[in-house]
Protein backbone atom coordinates (compact mmCIF):
# COMPACT_ATOMS: atom_id res chain seq x y z
CA MET A 1 -5.14 -8.92 -23.67
CA ARG A 2 -1.12 -9.03 -22.88
CA ARG A 3 0.97 -6.05 -23.96
CA ALA A 4 4.24 -7.85 -25.79
CA ILE A 5 6.75 -7.12 -23.48
CA GLY A 6 9.52 -9.32 -25.28
CA LEU A 7 11.34 -13.31 -25.13
CA PRO A 8 13.65 -12.67 -22.57
CA ILE A 9 10.86 -11.14 -20.31
CA LEU A 10 8.11 -13.58 -21.01
CA ILE A 11 10.66 -16.73 -20.48
CA LEU A 12 11.35 -15.20 -16.81
CA ALA A 13 8.14 -14.49 -16.09
CA ALA A 14 7.15 -17.68 -16.33
CA LEU A 15 9.27 -19.46 -14.88
CA TYR A 16 7.88 -17.89 -11.73
CA VAL A 17 4.13 -17.98 -12.10
CA SER A 18 3.66 -21.18 -13.58
CA SER A 19 4.16 -22.79 -10.36
CA TYR A 20 0.82 -20.77 -9.31
CA SER A 21 -2.51 -22.97 -9.58
CA ARG A 22 -6.12 -22.51 -10.23
CA LEU A 23 -8.57 -23.38 -6.80
CA PRO A 24 -11.04 -25.40 -7.30
CA ALA A 25 -13.76 -24.42 -10.17
CA GLN A 26 -17.02 -21.42 -9.02
CA ASP A 27 -20.27 -21.94 -11.00
CA GLU A 28 -20.55 -18.43 -10.64
CA LYS A 29 -18.29 -15.87 -12.26
CA PRO A 30 -15.31 -14.25 -10.22
CA HIS A 31 -15.96 -10.86 -8.74
CA ASN A 32 -13.63 -8.13 -9.43
CA VAL A 33 -11.56 -6.53 -7.05
CA LEU A 34 -10.65 -3.00 -6.60
CA LEU A 35 -7.23 -1.95 -4.36
CA LEU A 36 -7.13 1.43 -3.73
CA VAL A 37 -3.99 2.98 -1.82
CA LEU A 38 -4.12 6.09 -0.46
CA ASP A 39 -0.46 8.25 0.04
CA ASP A 40 0.35 9.68 3.52
CA VAL A 41 -3.01 9.06 5.18
CA GLY A 42 -2.61 7.56 8.20
CA THR A 43 -5.32 6.59 11.01
CA ASP A 44 -5.37 10.55 12.11
CA LYS A 45 -7.01 11.23 9.09
CA ILE A 46 -9.98 9.03 8.11
CA GLY A 47 -13.17 10.16 9.97
CA ALA A 48 -14.46 6.69 10.48
CA TYR A 49 -11.57 5.97 12.87
CA HIS A 50 -12.69 9.07 15.50
CA GLU A 51 -15.72 10.79 13.88
CA GLY A 52 -14.22 13.30 12.21
CA GLN A 53 -12.64 14.94 15.42
CA ALA A 54 -9.79 15.83 13.82
CA GLY A 55 -11.17 18.47 11.29
CA GLU A 56 -10.75 15.44 7.85
CA ARG A 57 -14.00 15.66 5.48
CA THR A 58 -14.02 11.65 4.30
CA PRO A 59 -17.52 10.55 3.62
CA THR A 60 -16.84 8.70 0.71
CA PHE A 61 -14.40 6.57 3.06
CA ASP A 62 -16.20 6.59 5.82
CA ARG A 63 -19.18 5.11 3.95
CA LEU A 64 -16.82 2.31 2.36
CA ALA A 65 -15.76 1.38 5.96
CA ARG A 66 -19.76 1.10 7.10
CA ASN A 67 -20.49 -1.38 4.13
CA GLY A 68 -17.56 -3.70 5.65
CA VAL A 69 -14.96 -4.12 8.03
CA LEU A 70 -12.73 -1.82 9.76
CA PHE A 71 -9.36 -2.55 10.99
CA ARG A 72 -7.71 -1.27 13.72
CA ASN A 73 -4.69 -2.46 13.81
CA ALA A 74 -3.12 -2.30 10.28
CA TRP A 75 0.29 -1.91 9.78
CA SER A 76 2.26 -0.65 6.84
CA ASN A 77 5.40 0.76 6.53
CA PRO A 78 6.96 3.56 7.35
CA LEU A 79 7.54 5.00 3.68
CA CYS A 80 5.99 4.27 -0.07
CA SER A 81 7.88 2.43 -2.02
CA PRO A 82 8.29 -0.80 1.06
CA THR A 83 4.58 -0.59 1.59
CA ARG A 84 3.69 -0.92 -2.02
CA ALA A 85 6.85 -3.77 -2.77
CA CYS A 86 4.90 -5.65 0.26
CA ILE A 87 1.50 -5.52 -1.61
CA GLN A 88 2.63 -6.61 -4.41
CA THR A 89 4.76 -9.33 -3.65
CA GLY A 90 3.46 -11.12 -0.65
CA ARG A 91 7.22 -10.73 0.86
CA TYR A 92 9.04 -8.20 3.28
CA GLY A 93 11.51 -5.87 2.47
CA PHE A 94 14.54 -7.20 3.81
CA ARG A 95 12.98 -10.26 0.89
CA THR A 96 12.71 -7.80 -1.41
CA GLY A 97 15.68 -5.40 -0.92
CA ILE A 98 12.58 -2.58 -0.67
CA GLY A 99 13.34 -0.25 2.08
CA THR A 100 13.35 3.47 1.37
CA VAL A 101 11.77 5.41 -1.35
CA ILE A 102 13.49 3.96 -4.24
CA GLU A 103 14.91 7.01 -6.28
CA ASP A 104 14.54 8.06 -9.80
CA LEU A 105 18.06 8.21 -10.69
CA GLU A 106 19.86 5.50 -8.42
CA GLY A 107 19.80 2.15 -6.63
CA HIS A 108 17.54 -0.92 -6.64
CA SER A 109 14.45 -1.25 -7.65
CA LEU A 110 11.63 -4.08 -7.33
CA GLN A 111 13.46 -7.19 -9.61
CA LEU A 112 11.48 -8.46 -12.49
CA ASP A 113 11.32 -11.79 -10.34
CA GLU A 114 9.66 -11.18 -7.82
CA VAL A 115 6.02 -12.40 -8.30
CA THR A 116 3.24 -9.45 -8.28
CA ILE A 117 -0.65 -10.24 -7.59
CA PRO A 118 -1.02 -10.12 -11.92
CA GLU A 119 1.67 -12.24 -12.57
CA ALA A 120 0.05 -14.96 -9.96
CA VAL A 121 -3.61 -14.31 -11.05
CA ASP A 122 -2.52 -14.95 -14.91
CA GLY A 123 -0.16 -17.72 -13.83
CA ALA A 124 -2.90 -19.85 -12.60
CA GLY A 125 -5.01 -19.70 -15.77
CA LEU A 126 -7.77 -17.31 -14.72
CA PRO A 127 -9.57 -14.56 -16.67
CA HIS A 128 -9.01 -12.15 -14.77
CA GLU A 129 -7.49 -8.64 -16.38
CA SER A 130 -5.37 -6.43 -14.79
CA ALA A 131 -4.49 -2.73 -14.07
CA ALA A 132 -2.42 -0.22 -12.41
CA ILE A 133 -3.87 3.24 -12.20
CA GLY A 134 -1.43 6.50 -10.15
CA LYS A 135 1.05 6.40 -8.74
CA TRP A 136 3.84 2.91 -9.38
CA HIS A 137 6.73 4.10 -7.47
CA LEU A 138 8.62 0.42 -7.57
CA SER A 139 10.92 1.19 -10.15
CA ASN A 140 13.47 3.45 -12.04
CA ARG A 141 15.95 4.99 -14.70
CA THR A 142 18.22 2.01 -13.53
CA GLY A 143 16.26 -0.48 -14.91
CA GLY A 144 17.86 -0.27 -18.17
CA ALA A 145 17.93 -4.27 -18.34
CA SER A 146 14.15 -4.47 -18.60
CA LEU A 147 13.56 -5.21 -21.86
CA TYR A 148 10.30 -4.78 -24.07
CA VAL A 149 9.22 -4.87 -27.66
CA ASP A 150 7.90 -1.02 -28.44
CA ARG A 151 4.74 0.06 -31.02
CA SER A 152 7.54 -1.01 -33.80
CA GLY A 153 8.16 -4.24 -32.86
CA PHE A 154 12.17 -3.31 -31.90
CA LEU A 155 13.58 -5.08 -28.46
CA GLN A 156 13.71 -1.88 -26.60
CA PRO A 157 15.46 -1.62 -22.83
CA ASP A 158 13.44 0.53 -20.43
CA VAL A 159 15.89 2.96 -19.82
CA LYS A 160 13.36 5.06 -18.07
CA GLY A 161 11.65 2.41 -16.06
CA PHE A 162 8.16 3.67 -17.68
CA ILE A 163 7.17 0.21 -18.90
CA ALA A 164 8.09 -1.22 -15.29
CA PRO A 165 4.31 -1.93 -14.54
CA ASN A 166 3.89 -3.68 -17.62
CA LEU A 167 7.18 -5.94 -16.93
CA GLN A 168 5.66 -6.84 -13.87
CA GLY A 169 2.34 -8.48 -15.00
CA TYR A 170 -0.12 -5.95 -15.49
CA ASP A 171 -2.17 -5.59 -18.77
CA HIS A 172 -2.81 -1.45 -18.49
CA PHE A 173 -0.63 0.90 -16.65
CA ALA A 174 -1.45 4.87 -16.75
CA GLY A 175 -0.35 7.26 -14.30
CA ALA A 176 3.35 8.28 -12.93
CA THR A 177 5.94 6.24 -12.06
CA GLN A 178 7.30 8.68 -9.38
CA ASN A 179 5.82 11.43 -7.19
CA VAL A 180 4.70 14.04 -8.81
CA ALA A 181 6.28 17.76 -8.63
CA ASN A 182 2.52 19.71 -9.50
CA TYR A 183 -0.53 17.59 -9.00
CA ASN A 184 -1.69 20.13 -11.79
CA HIS A 185 1.13 19.82 -14.44
CA TRP A 186 2.47 16.01 -14.28
CA MET A 187 4.12 13.11 -16.87
CA LYS A 188 1.33 10.88 -17.75
CA ILE A 189 2.59 7.49 -18.57
CA VAL A 190 0.37 4.82 -20.31
CA ASP A 191 1.73 1.59 -21.00
CA GLY A 192 5.24 3.24 -21.91
CA ASP A 193 4.50 6.08 -23.75
CA ALA A 194 4.96 9.51 -21.24
CA PHE A 195 3.15 13.00 -22.43
CA ARG A 196 2.63 15.72 -20.32
CA SER A 197 -1.12 16.09 -18.28
CA SER A 198 -2.64 19.43 -17.17
CA LEU A 199 -5.72 17.52 -15.87
CA TYR A 200 -5.82 17.78 -11.81
CA VAL A 201 -3.59 14.03 -11.01
CA THR A 202 -6.62 12.76 -9.03
CA SER A 203 -9.35 13.47 -11.20
CA ASP A 204 -6.95 11.88 -13.70
CA ASN A 205 -6.38 8.25 -11.51
CA VAL A 206 -10.05 8.43 -11.37
CA ASP A 207 -11.05 9.03 -14.97
CA SER A 208 -8.14 6.35 -16.05
CA ALA A 209 -9.61 3.36 -13.83
CA ARG A 210 -13.13 4.63 -14.93
CA ASP A 211 -12.53 4.04 -18.73
CA TRP A 212 -10.54 0.96 -18.14
CA ILE A 213 -13.10 -0.78 -15.73
CA ARG A 214 -16.16 -0.07 -18.42
CA SER A 215 -14.15 -0.90 -21.34
CA ARG A 216 -13.93 -4.87 -19.79
CA GLY A 217 -17.14 -5.81 -20.54
CA GLY A 218 -18.14 -8.95 -18.98
CA SER A 219 -14.46 -9.62 -17.80
CA PRO A 220 -13.43 -10.10 -14.63
CA TRP A 221 -10.85 -7.83 -12.76
CA ILE A 222 -8.18 -6.60 -10.77
CA CYS A 223 -7.97 -2.95 -10.48
CA TYR A 224 -5.22 -1.31 -8.07
CA ILE A 225 -5.25 2.51 -8.12
CA ALA A 226 -2.36 4.38 -6.16
CA PHE A 227 -3.68 7.56 -5.94
CA ASN A 228 -0.80 10.59 -5.26
CA ALA A 229 -3.00 11.94 -2.91
CA ALA A 230 -2.98 12.95 -0.26
CA HIS A 231 1.40 13.25 -0.43
CA VAL A 232 3.09 16.13 -0.84
CA PRO A 233 3.16 19.45 -2.96
CA TYR A 234 -0.61 19.95 -1.44
CA ASN A 235 -1.53 22.16 -4.94
CA ASP A 236 -4.81 23.82 -4.73
CA PRO A 237 -7.06 21.05 -5.80
CA PRO A 238 -10.47 22.80 -8.29
CA ALA A 239 -12.31 24.48 -6.52
CA GLU A 240 -15.63 22.21 -7.14
CA LEU A 241 -13.53 18.84 -5.40
CA HIS A 242 -13.37 20.50 -1.38
CA THR A 243 -14.93 22.64 1.26
CA TYR A 244 -12.04 24.61 2.22
CA ASP A 245 -11.47 27.75 2.10
CA ASP A 246 -8.06 30.06 1.44
CA ARG A 247 -7.91 31.22 5.32
CA PRO A 248 -6.41 29.72 7.56
CA LEU A 249 -6.23 28.39 10.59
CA GLY A 250 -4.10 31.13 12.27
CA GLU A 251 -1.00 32.27 10.91
CA TRP A 252 1.34 29.72 11.18
CA PRO A 253 2.95 28.30 8.31
CA SER A 254 2.12 24.40 9.58
CA HIS A 255 -1.96 25.55 10.39
CA ARG A 256 -1.99 26.55 6.60
CA LYS A 257 -0.34 23.07 5.08
CA LYS A 258 -2.74 21.10 7.24
CA ILE A 259 -5.61 23.04 5.57
CA GLN A 260 -4.03 22.49 2.29
CA TYR A 261 -3.45 19.02 3.46
CA TYR A 262 -7.12 18.42 4.07
CA ALA A 263 -8.41 20.38 0.80
CA VAL A 264 -5.96 17.54 -1.24
CA LEU A 265 -7.65 14.78 0.83
CA GLU A 266 -11.35 15.72 0.39
CA ALA A 267 -10.85 16.30 -2.95
CA MET A 268 -9.77 12.64 -3.62
CA ASP A 269 -12.68 11.15 -1.70
CA THR A 270 -15.09 13.86 -3.49
CA GLU A 271 -13.84 12.00 -6.33
CA LEU A 272 -13.65 8.90 -5.31
CA ALA A 273 -17.66 9.66 -5.22
CA ARG A 274 -17.89 10.59 -8.86
CA PHE A 275 -15.79 7.15 -9.86
CA PHE A 276 -18.48 5.22 -8.21
CA ARG A 277 -21.30 6.58 -9.01
CA GLU A 278 -20.09 6.93 -12.72
CA LEU A 279 -19.78 3.18 -12.55
CA GLY A 280 -23.65 2.75 -11.68
CA GLY A 281 -23.54 3.91 -7.83
CA LEU A 282 -22.05 2.62 -5.09
CA LYS A 283 -24.75 0.20 -4.25
CA ARG A 284 -24.28 -1.27 -7.48
CA PHE A 285 -20.37 -1.56 -7.65
CA LEU A 286 -19.97 -3.96 -4.67
CA GLN A 287 -22.52 -6.08 -5.72
CA ASP A 288 -19.60 -7.32 -7.75
CA THR A 289 -16.34 -6.05 -6.88
CA THR A 290 -15.28 -6.45 -3.55
CA VAL A 291 -12.76 -3.47 -2.69
CA LEU A 292 -9.43 -2.75 -0.10
CA VAL A 293 -8.62 0.47 0.63
CA ILE A 294 -5.31 1.15 2.75
CA GLY A 295 -3.07 3.95 3.18
CA ASP A 296 1.08 2.87 2.58
CA ASN A 297 2.39 4.83 5.19
CA GLY A 298 1.54 7.43 8.58
CA THR A 299 0.69 11.13 7.74
CA GLY A 300 3.37 13.22 6.78
CA ALA A 301 5.23 15.60 9.32
CA SER A 302 3.37 18.27 8.25
CA ALA A 303 -0.34 17.26 8.37
CA SER A 304 0.13 15.00 11.21
CA ASP A 305 -1.48 15.64 14.66
CA TYR A 306 1.48 13.50 16.00
CA LEU A 307 5.16 14.89 16.63
CA PRO A 308 7.47 15.24 13.40
CA TRP A 309 9.76 12.51 15.08
CA ARG A 310 7.11 10.04 15.15
CA SER A 311 4.94 10.66 12.12
CA LYS A 312 5.40 9.41 8.24
CA GLY A 313 9.00 7.62 8.74
CA THR A 314 9.33 6.37 11.35
CA VAL A 315 7.87 3.06 12.83
CA TYR A 316 6.05 4.19 15.62
CA GLU A 317 2.52 3.96 15.41
CA ALA A 318 1.57 7.53 14.14
CA GLY A 319 3.91 6.14 10.93
CA VAL A 320 2.80 2.84 10.57
CA ASN A 321 -0.67 2.47 11.58
CA VAL A 322 -3.06 3.05 8.33
CA PRO A 323 -6.50 2.84 7.78
CA LEU A 324 -7.61 -0.26 5.94
CA ILE A 325 -11.16 -1.20 4.85
CA ALA A 326 -12.42 -4.20 3.38
CA CYS A 327 -16.10 -3.82 1.71
CA GLY A 328 -18.00 -5.15 -1.17
CA ALA A 329 -18.72 -8.49 -2.89
CA ASP A 330 -17.25 -10.41 -1.03
CA VAL A 331 -17.45 -9.08 2.27
CA PRO A 332 -20.50 -9.72 4.16
CA ALA A 333 -19.48 -8.64 7.49
CA ARG A 334 -20.37 -5.19 9.37
CA GLY A 335 -17.86 -4.00 12.07
CA GLU A 336 -14.60 -3.48 13.51
CA CYS A 337 -11.80 -5.77 13.56
CA GLU A 338 -8.87 -5.44 16.44
CA ALA A 339 -6.73 -8.43 14.53
CA LEU A 340 -2.98 -7.76 14.10
CA VAL A 341 -2.98 -7.56 9.96
CA GLY A 342 -0.34 -5.29 7.33
CA ALA A 343 0.05 -3.98 4.43
CA VAL A 344 1.66 -6.87 3.04
CA ASP A 345 -1.07 -9.18 3.85
CA LEU A 346 -3.43 -7.98 0.61
CA PHE A 347 -0.93 -10.07 -1.66
CA ALA A 348 -2.81 -13.02 0.07
CA THR A 349 -5.82 -11.68 0.29
CA THR A 350 -6.25 -10.36 -3.55
CA LEU A 351 -4.96 -14.02 -4.83
CA GLU A 352 -7.95 -15.75 -2.22
CA LEU A 353 -10.41 -13.42 -3.53
CA ALA A 354 -9.85 -14.50 -7.40
CA GLY A 355 -8.97 -17.76 -6.22
CA VAL A 356 -5.41 -18.37 -6.26
CA PRO A 357 -3.82 -20.66 -4.01
CA LEU A 358 0.06 -19.66 -2.44
CA ASP A 359 1.87 -22.57 -3.00
CA ASP A 360 4.64 -21.25 -5.74
CA GLY A 361 7.29 -22.84 -2.69
CA ARG A 362 8.56 -18.93 -1.88
CA ILE A 363 8.80 -17.38 0.99
CA HIS A 364 5.69 -14.98 1.66
CA ASP A 365 5.27 -13.39 4.34
CA SER A 366 1.27 -12.67 3.29
CA VAL A 367 -1.99 -13.81 5.02
CA SER A 368 -5.05 -13.71 3.64
CA LEU A 369 -8.31 -11.19 5.50
CA VAL A 370 -10.59 -12.96 3.79
CA PRO A 371 -11.86 -15.21 7.26
CA TYR A 372 -11.99 -11.45 8.57
CA PHE A 373 -15.11 -10.38 5.82
CA SER A 374 -17.39 -13.03 7.27
CA ASP A 375 -16.59 -12.62 10.85
CA PRO A 376 -14.07 -9.39 12.34
CA HIS A 377 -14.18 -10.96 15.48
CA ALA A 378 -12.57 -14.47 14.35
CA PRO A 379 -9.39 -16.36 15.66
CA ALA A 380 -6.69 -14.14 15.11
CA ARG A 381 -4.25 -15.03 11.88
CA ARG A 382 -1.29 -13.58 13.32
CA GLY A 383 0.60 -13.38 16.58
CA THR A 384 2.78 -10.60 15.31
CA VAL A 385 2.76 -7.96 12.62
CA PHE A 386 6.64 -6.45 11.31
CA ALA A 387 7.21 -3.05 10.05
CA GLU A 388 10.56 -1.72 8.40
CA TYR A 389 12.61 0.91 7.18
CA PHE A 390 16.32 0.34 5.93
CA THR A 391 18.88 2.11 3.57
CA PRO A 392 20.11 2.20 1.28
CA ASN A 393 18.04 -0.16 -0.76
CA GLY A 394 19.13 -3.54 -1.51
CA TYR A 395 20.38 -6.38 0.62
CA GLU A 396 23.46 -4.72 2.74
CA PRO A 397 21.35 -1.57 4.53
CA THR A 398 24.23 0.57 6.69
CA ARG A 399 20.99 1.72 8.30
CA SER A 400 17.61 0.43 9.93
CA SER A 401 14.55 0.70 12.25
CA ARG A 402 12.00 -2.26 12.52
CA ALA A 403 9.48 -3.07 14.52
CA ILE A 404 7.41 -5.76 16.17
CA ARG A 405 4.45 -5.92 17.71
CA ASN A 406 1.65 -8.17 19.57
CA ALA A 407 -1.17 -7.84 20.47
CA ARG A 408 -0.07 -5.74 23.90
CA TYR A 409 3.68 -5.07 23.65
CA LYS A 410 5.72 -3.61 20.76
CA LEU A 411 9.80 -3.97 20.34
CA ILE A 412 11.84 -1.65 17.89
CA ARG A 413 14.97 -1.83 16.97
CA LYS A 414 17.38 0.77 15.39
CA ILE A 415 20.97 -0.40 13.93
CA ASP A 416 23.71 1.86 12.46
CA MET A 417 26.27 0.39 10.74
CA ASP A 418 28.00 3.62 10.20
CA LYS A 419 28.05 4.77 13.92
CA GLU A 420 28.26 1.03 15.50
CA SER A 421 25.24 1.63 16.88
CA GLU A 422 21.98 -0.61 18.39
CA GLU A 423 19.55 0.79 19.95
CA GLU A 424 16.24 -0.67 21.18
CA GLU A 425 12.48 0.36 22.61
CA PHE A 426 10.09 -1.18 24.57
CA TYR A 427 6.16 -0.11 25.00
CA ASP A 428 3.36 -1.58 26.28
CA LEU A 429 0.88 -0.19 23.55
CA ALA A 430 -2.41 -0.79 26.19
CA THR A 431 -1.22 1.75 28.39
CA ASP A 432 1.17 4.00 26.20
CA PRO A 433 -0.48 3.75 22.49
CA ARG A 434 1.68 7.34 22.05
CA GLU A 435 4.75 5.24 22.97
CA LEU A 436 6.00 7.84 25.70
CA ARG A 437 7.28 5.58 28.19
CA ASP A 438 10.44 3.23 27.11
CA LEU A 439 10.36 0.22 29.11
CA LEU A 440 13.56 -0.27 29.03
CA ARG A 441 14.63 3.38 30.51
CA PRO A 442 16.02 3.68 33.70
CA PRO A 443 13.78 4.41 36.36
CA VAL A 444 11.42 2.25 34.71
CA ARG A 445 11.31 -1.58 35.76
CA MET A 446 9.32 -4.11 33.90
CA SER A 447 7.23 -6.46 34.99
CA ASP A 448 8.23 -10.29 34.47
CA GLU A 449 5.29 -10.55 32.18
CA SER A 450 6.57 -7.30 30.40
CA GLU A 451 10.19 -8.48 30.49
CA ALA A 452 8.63 -11.90 28.71
CA ASN A 453 6.93 -10.45 26.07
CA TYR A 454 9.86 -8.63 25.54
CA LEU A 455 12.28 -11.84 25.45
CA ALA A 456 9.78 -13.26 22.82
CA LEU A 457 9.81 -10.38 20.53
CA SER A 458 13.43 -10.36 20.25
CA ASP A 459 13.74 -13.72 19.36
CA GLU A 460 11.16 -13.69 17.12
CA LEU A 461 12.41 -10.40 15.18
CA ASP A 462 15.93 -12.25 15.01
CA CYS A 463 14.11 -15.12 13.53
CA LEU A 464 12.49 -13.24 10.98
CA LEU A 465 15.38 -11.48 9.97
CA LYS A 466 17.37 -15.03 9.77
CA SER A 467 14.74 -16.51 7.55
CA GLY A 468 16.60 -15.70 4.02
CA SER A 469 14.60 -14.39 0.18
């Protein structure tokens, strides 16, 4: 049941979701979709990507990977808000105006005229109910123009951004609208109402999602769980949720930070196992639900195995190459997929799983991954994948870092309007996966093949950025 949100918003939403239509009806009940977003977890921190050689303990995520398709070349954006906006809208940040972290007290946030996953599904007249659980991070306190009807029936401005997930189409929201300052003491928002929670935030996310799913009965649903973990601060999880003791790997603070990170990561994995267990067990859960798991960006510098200036917040591989796993009811295949895919593709993927075509006339950058669920080696659906960072949020950035890659080569373009500078870097990822040898820097001389790929990627990046909103 939709929460009342006021006539102006209902009219606005109707203008944008009415153009979605439903795919031909199916005889069987639609499957559920569970979309899990991990915070600051790159491929270097999920055991299934390298057989647990880095010290992490992620048996639940590894089990999901064994039960479905693991994507090797999935890209996010280098920071959380831009990736979340891409997932929700299927559109790149330069179209939505979200290029960096959305600040609580200032700046541009996700606009209400952007059509999100639940709005598209609802606009197609499908029976799915929807919930967003955990970290939203797409709104702020400048959203006072957004109106909703409070519990007393009065029209109110959403001056704190607390009702934003509901205004963006979710039937239910329970979580935090921004980062939490402490995993054990934080401000929880439930459908616009705020109160203090002293329950470990990851446990709270799992409880909220479990309770909502249980309450659905037989109705199909879409549940978006965006964990706060494993973002800083690395507050100690309850002891029963992890197996790391308090002894640091050496005496360096960076080593202690990494152990704390691993504890927070394992606690999330442990609680996810409890989530499946309390909903009948993973095997039963996957019979009628498709699970999609993705990282919002690479691992943060304090926990990364890569150089700090090549990790989260950058468009280098350690900042944008993230885990992506699909398993469950609509994923009959098992194995690994080498195709280029992006976080932006989860929009079209979720809509196809729900039975909604992308035919609203807007510019979308999202490509459905469903063909790979039956055949991980299916023909590539994209020739390139794109990631970006820019600041400030909005449509007139003064500084940006953008990257585009094909199956082998990668182009990075950095622009600083204040310094009137533009720099490019170009890498052969097949021979230089850590991006240490810039092919545009002397004394390197590019081969004819490399130069042709550089020119092609440069032209494609130019065309993409000129393609409008």
